[in-house]
Protein backbone atom coordinates (compact mmCIF):
# COMPACT_ATOMS: atom_id res chain seq x y z
CA MET A 1 131.61 -89.22 25.89
CA THR A 2 130.45 -85.97 23.77
CA THR A 3 129.78 -84.74 27.59
CA VAL A 4 132.71 -85.74 29.07
CA TRP A 5 135.30 -84.22 26.32
CA ARG A 6 133.37 -81.24 26.55
CA VAL A 7 133.39 -80.83 30.25
CA ALA A 8 137.60 -81.62 30.15
CA ARG A 9 137.80 -79.04 27.31
CA VAL A 10 136.29 -76.03 29.63
CA LEU A 11 138.55 -77.41 32.72
CA LEU A 12 141.60 -77.70 30.68
CA LEU A 13 141.32 -74.02 29.59
CA VAL A 14 140.21 -72.68 33.14
CA LEU A 15 143.81 -74.21 34.19
CA TRP A 16 145.83 -72.78 31.51
CA VAL A 17 144.28 -69.24 31.92
CA ILE A 18 145.09 -69.71 35.75
CA GLY A 19 148.54 -70.84 35.09
CA ALA A 20 149.01 -67.72 32.64
CA GLY A 21 147.68 -65.52 35.01
CA LEU A 22 150.12 -66.37 37.65
CA THR A 23 152.75 -66.10 35.21
CA TRP A 24 152.10 -62.94 34.49
CA TRP A 25 151.21 -61.43 37.89
CA SER A 26 154.79 -62.82 39.70
CA SER A 27 157.07 -62.16 36.60
CA PRO A 28 159.75 -59.83 38.22
CA ARG A 29 159.18 -55.95 37.04
CA GLU A 30 162.69 -53.98 36.71
CA VAL A 31 162.25 -50.55 38.09
CA SER A 32 164.49 -48.06 39.86
CA TYR A 33 166.77 -47.36 42.59
CA GLU A 34 164.84 -44.62 43.70
CA ARG A 35 161.37 -46.84 43.60
CA ALA A 36 163.53 -49.74 45.56
CA LEU A 37 164.19 -47.25 48.34
CA ALA A 38 161.00 -46.02 48.47
CA ALA A 39 159.09 -49.37 49.05
CA VAL A 40 162.07 -50.41 51.66
CA ASP A 41 161.14 -46.72 53.33
CA ASN A 42 157.33 -47.68 53.22
CA GLY A 43 157.34 -51.26 54.33
CA GLU A 44 156.24 -52.20 50.66
CA ALA A 45 158.76 -54.94 50.73
CA GLU A 46 157.38 -58.08 52.72
CA ALA A 47 160.07 -60.12 51.59
CA TYR A 48 163.25 -59.42 49.49
CA GLN A 49 166.34 -61.37 48.39
CA TRP A 50 169.88 -60.16 46.67
CA GLY A 51 171.00 -61.57 43.52
CA SER A 52 173.07 -61.39 40.54
CA THR A 53 170.59 -62.49 37.56
CA TRP A 54 167.61 -64.18 36.95
CA GLU A 55 167.48 -67.72 36.43
CA ASP A 56 165.24 -69.03 33.53
CA ARG A 57 164.61 -72.73 33.63
CA GLY A 58 163.41 -72.49 30.05
CA SER A 59 160.13 -74.02 30.44
CA ARG A 60 157.87 -74.90 27.83
CA TRP A 61 155.09 -74.44 30.36
CA PHE A 62 154.21 -71.82 33.22
CA ASP A 63 157.29 -71.11 35.98
CA ALA A 64 158.66 -68.48 37.43
CA PRO A 65 162.39 -67.02 37.29
CA ALA A 66 164.59 -67.90 40.50
CA LEU A 67 167.00 -64.99 41.25
CA SER A 68 170.81 -66.55 41.97
CA SER A 69 171.74 -66.03 45.39
CA THR A 70 175.31 -64.01 45.96
CA GLY A 71 175.25 -64.62 50.11
CA GLU A 72 176.05 -60.79 49.86
CA SER A 73 174.04 -57.67 49.65
CA GLY A 74 173.72 -56.85 45.65
CA PRO A 75 174.29 -56.21 43.34
CA TRP A 76 170.52 -56.70 42.44
CA PHE A 77 167.99 -56.43 45.10
CA ALA A 78 164.41 -57.97 44.61
CA TRP A 79 161.35 -57.87 46.78
CA ARG A 80 157.79 -59.20 47.03
CA THR A 81 155.15 -56.67 47.87
CA GLY A 82 152.14 -57.46 49.63
CA ASP A 83 149.72 -58.16 46.66
CA ASP A 84 152.37 -60.71 45.49
CA ARG A 85 153.94 -58.69 42.64
CA VAL A 86 158.05 -58.92 42.47
CA PHE A 87 159.85 -56.40 41.67
CA TRP A 88 163.73 -55.71 41.68
CA THR A 89 166.82 -53.48 40.62
CA ASP A 90 170.38 -53.31 39.81
CA THR A 91 171.76 -50.86 42.96
CA SER A 92 175.20 -50.98 40.83
CA LEU A 93 173.14 -48.18 38.81
CA ALA A 94 172.28 -46.17 41.68
CA SER A 95 172.74 -42.57 41.71
CA ASP A 96 174.95 -42.84 44.79
CA GLN A 97 177.55 -45.61 42.99
CA THR A 98 180.42 -43.47 43.35
CA THR A 99 180.36 -44.33 47.07
CA GLY A 100 179.18 -47.59 46.85
CA GLU A 101 176.40 -46.92 48.81
CA GLY A 102 173.62 -48.59 46.25
CA ALA A 103 173.51 -51.96 48.12
CA ALA A 104 174.42 -50.51 51.31
CA SER A 105 171.51 -48.14 51.72
CA LEU A 106 169.07 -50.57 51.17
CA ALA A 107 170.77 -52.96 53.69
CA ARG A 108 170.81 -50.84 56.52
CA LYS A 109 166.73 -49.81 56.15
CA LEU A 110 166.29 -53.73 55.87
CA ASP A 111 164.99 -55.05 59.08
CA GLN A 112 164.19 -58.70 58.11
CA PRO A 113 166.35 -61.62 56.95
CA PRO A 114 165.98 -62.33 52.87
CA ALA A 115 163.16 -64.45 51.70
CA GLY A 116 163.31 -68.52 50.43
CA ASP A 117 161.57 -67.72 48.02
CA LEU A 118 160.13 -64.44 46.31
CA ILE A 119 157.29 -66.45 44.33
CA PRO A 120 155.32 -68.61 46.84
CA TRP A 121 153.35 -69.85 44.33
CA ARG A 122 156.00 -71.48 42.22
CA GLY A 123 154.60 -74.92 43.39
CA TRP A 124 151.68 -74.47 42.06
CA LEU A 125 152.57 -73.25 38.35
CA GLN A 126 154.89 -76.29 38.10
CA GLY A 127 151.72 -78.67 39.27
CA ILE A 128 149.62 -76.59 36.30
CA SER A 129 152.26 -77.43 33.82
CA ILE A 130 152.58 -81.16 35.00
CA VAL A 131 148.68 -81.57 34.70
CA LEU A 132 147.96 -79.70 31.35
CA ALA A 133 151.18 -81.37 29.73
CA LEU A 134 150.28 -85.06 31.14
CA THR A 135 146.77 -84.78 29.99
CA GLY A 136 147.34 -82.81 26.49
CA ALA A 137 149.81 -86.22 25.91
CA VAL A 138 147.83 -88.69 26.82
CA LEU A 139 144.50 -86.88 24.91
CA VAL A 140 147.03 -86.85 21.71
CA ILE A 141 148.42 -89.88 22.16
CA ALA A 142 145.18 -92.27 23.03
CA GLY A 143 142.39 -89.95 22.93
CA PRO A 144 139.62 -90.05 19.88
CA ALA A 145 141.61 -88.75 16.34
CA PRO A 146 141.94 -85.39 16.07
CA VAL A 147 139.60 -84.14 13.18
CA ARG A 148 141.90 -80.83 11.87
CA GLY A 149 145.41 -82.23 11.96
CA THR A 150 147.04 -85.84 12.50
CA ARG A 151 148.27 -86.76 15.91
CA TRP A 152 151.94 -85.52 14.71
CA TYR A 153 150.47 -82.23 14.03
CA TRP A 154 149.09 -81.79 17.33
CA TRP A 155 152.39 -83.34 19.26
CA TRP A 156 154.72 -80.86 17.75
CA MET A 157 152.49 -77.93 18.42
CA LEU A 158 152.11 -79.41 22.04
CA VAL A 159 155.92 -80.13 23.04
CA PHE A 160 157.15 -76.87 21.26
CA VAL A 161 154.84 -73.89 21.39
CA PRO A 162 155.81 -72.24 24.53
CA TYR A 163 153.50 -71.72 27.82
CA GLY A 164 151.01 -74.11 26.56
CA LEU A 165 149.64 -72.22 23.53
CA GLY A 166 149.65 -75.47 21.39
CA LEU A 167 147.26 -76.76 23.58
CA VAL A 168 144.83 -73.91 23.73
CA LEU A 169 145.16 -73.88 20.06
CA TRP A 170 143.99 -77.57 19.57
CA LEU A 171 141.14 -77.13 22.26
CA PHE A 172 139.60 -74.34 20.35
CA ARG A 173 140.44 -75.36 16.44
CA ASP A 174 140.23 -79.32 16.89
CA ARG A 175 137.77 -81.57 18.31
CA PRO A 176 139.11 -83.98 20.69
CA TRP A 177 135.91 -85.62 21.50
CA ALA A 178 135.05 -85.95 18.13
CA ASN A 179 136.22 -88.96 15.74
CA ALA A 180 137.86 -88.13 12.50
CA GLN A 181 136.30 -89.04 9.14
CA GLU A 182 137.82 -92.07 8.18
CA GLY A 183 139.60 -91.59 4.62
CA SER A 184 139.87 -87.77 5.55
CA ALA A 185 143.53 -86.70 3.62
CA ASP A 186 143.01 -83.13 4.44
CA ARG A 187 144.57 -82.98 7.88
CA ASP A 188 147.23 -81.03 8.91
CA ARG A 189 150.22 -83.29 8.72
CA GLY A 190 153.15 -83.52 11.34
CA TRP A 191 155.94 -81.66 9.31
CA PHE A 192 153.65 -78.72 9.08
CA GLY A 193 153.16 -79.29 12.72
CA LEU A 194 156.63 -78.83 13.50
CA VAL A 195 157.18 -76.05 11.06
CA THR A 196 154.30 -73.90 12.82
CA ALA A 197 155.46 -74.77 16.46
CA VAL A 198 159.47 -73.15 15.18
CA LEU A 199 157.69 -70.29 13.73
CA ALA A 200 155.40 -69.87 17.00
CA ASN A 201 158.42 -69.50 19.06
CA PHE A 202 159.60 -66.51 17.33
CA ALA A 203 156.19 -65.11 16.76
CA VAL A 204 155.90 -65.34 20.89
CA ALA A 205 159.44 -63.79 21.67
CA ILE A 206 158.41 -61.00 19.69
CA VAL A 207 155.02 -60.51 20.89
CA LEU A 208 156.67 -60.34 24.59
CA PHE A 209 159.59 -58.17 23.84
CA LEU A 210 156.57 -55.74 22.25
CA VAL A 211 154.53 -56.32 25.14
CA SER A 212 157.39 -55.61 27.42
CA ARG A 213 158.26 -52.43 25.78
CA LEU A 214 154.97 -51.05 25.97
CA PHE A 215 154.54 -51.55 29.49
CA GLU A 216 157.43 -50.31 30.13
CA GLY A 217 156.87 -47.12 28.37
């Protein structure tokens, strides 16, 4: 069984890396209106959509935001390039907004209909999330007893820490293929897992904000 758990651990980590990588790669990047014009002129926009806001579904695992449709041109214009990167701009902030030509200038240059979905691997992200969540839940509930934390500790970490980071921590810190020592009283308890998970949400949000500002700079 030890070999089976070790292989399962590696497979789960690989699947998590794929999901995290796809999520980062497909995350929409805001750029200038001039950059949007250049992309359309150069034929970089292989697919596009108009909308008004990005709908974040608040997934605890991996997902891609969807652009809400306005049924008309503007105010937000988003497009996908040949390497499946997604960019967007707010045409209402265009330099020619006084004439109302921000969205219209782009619309006149486009020669293909809007795309159904800018992020083609959204289904893959959702599938990876389901596999990781279900596998992690089954292992925590019915698998070998964890060594460094109780089942409740890892349950809160698995459920509440975003992007599956609780699962990653469990795979690195604990040993899901080994049995806990009988009478062990120094394992992390459920209440500590809940507090840690709540604090982790704030920490992850701050780190993502700082990273996004760094890349913008």
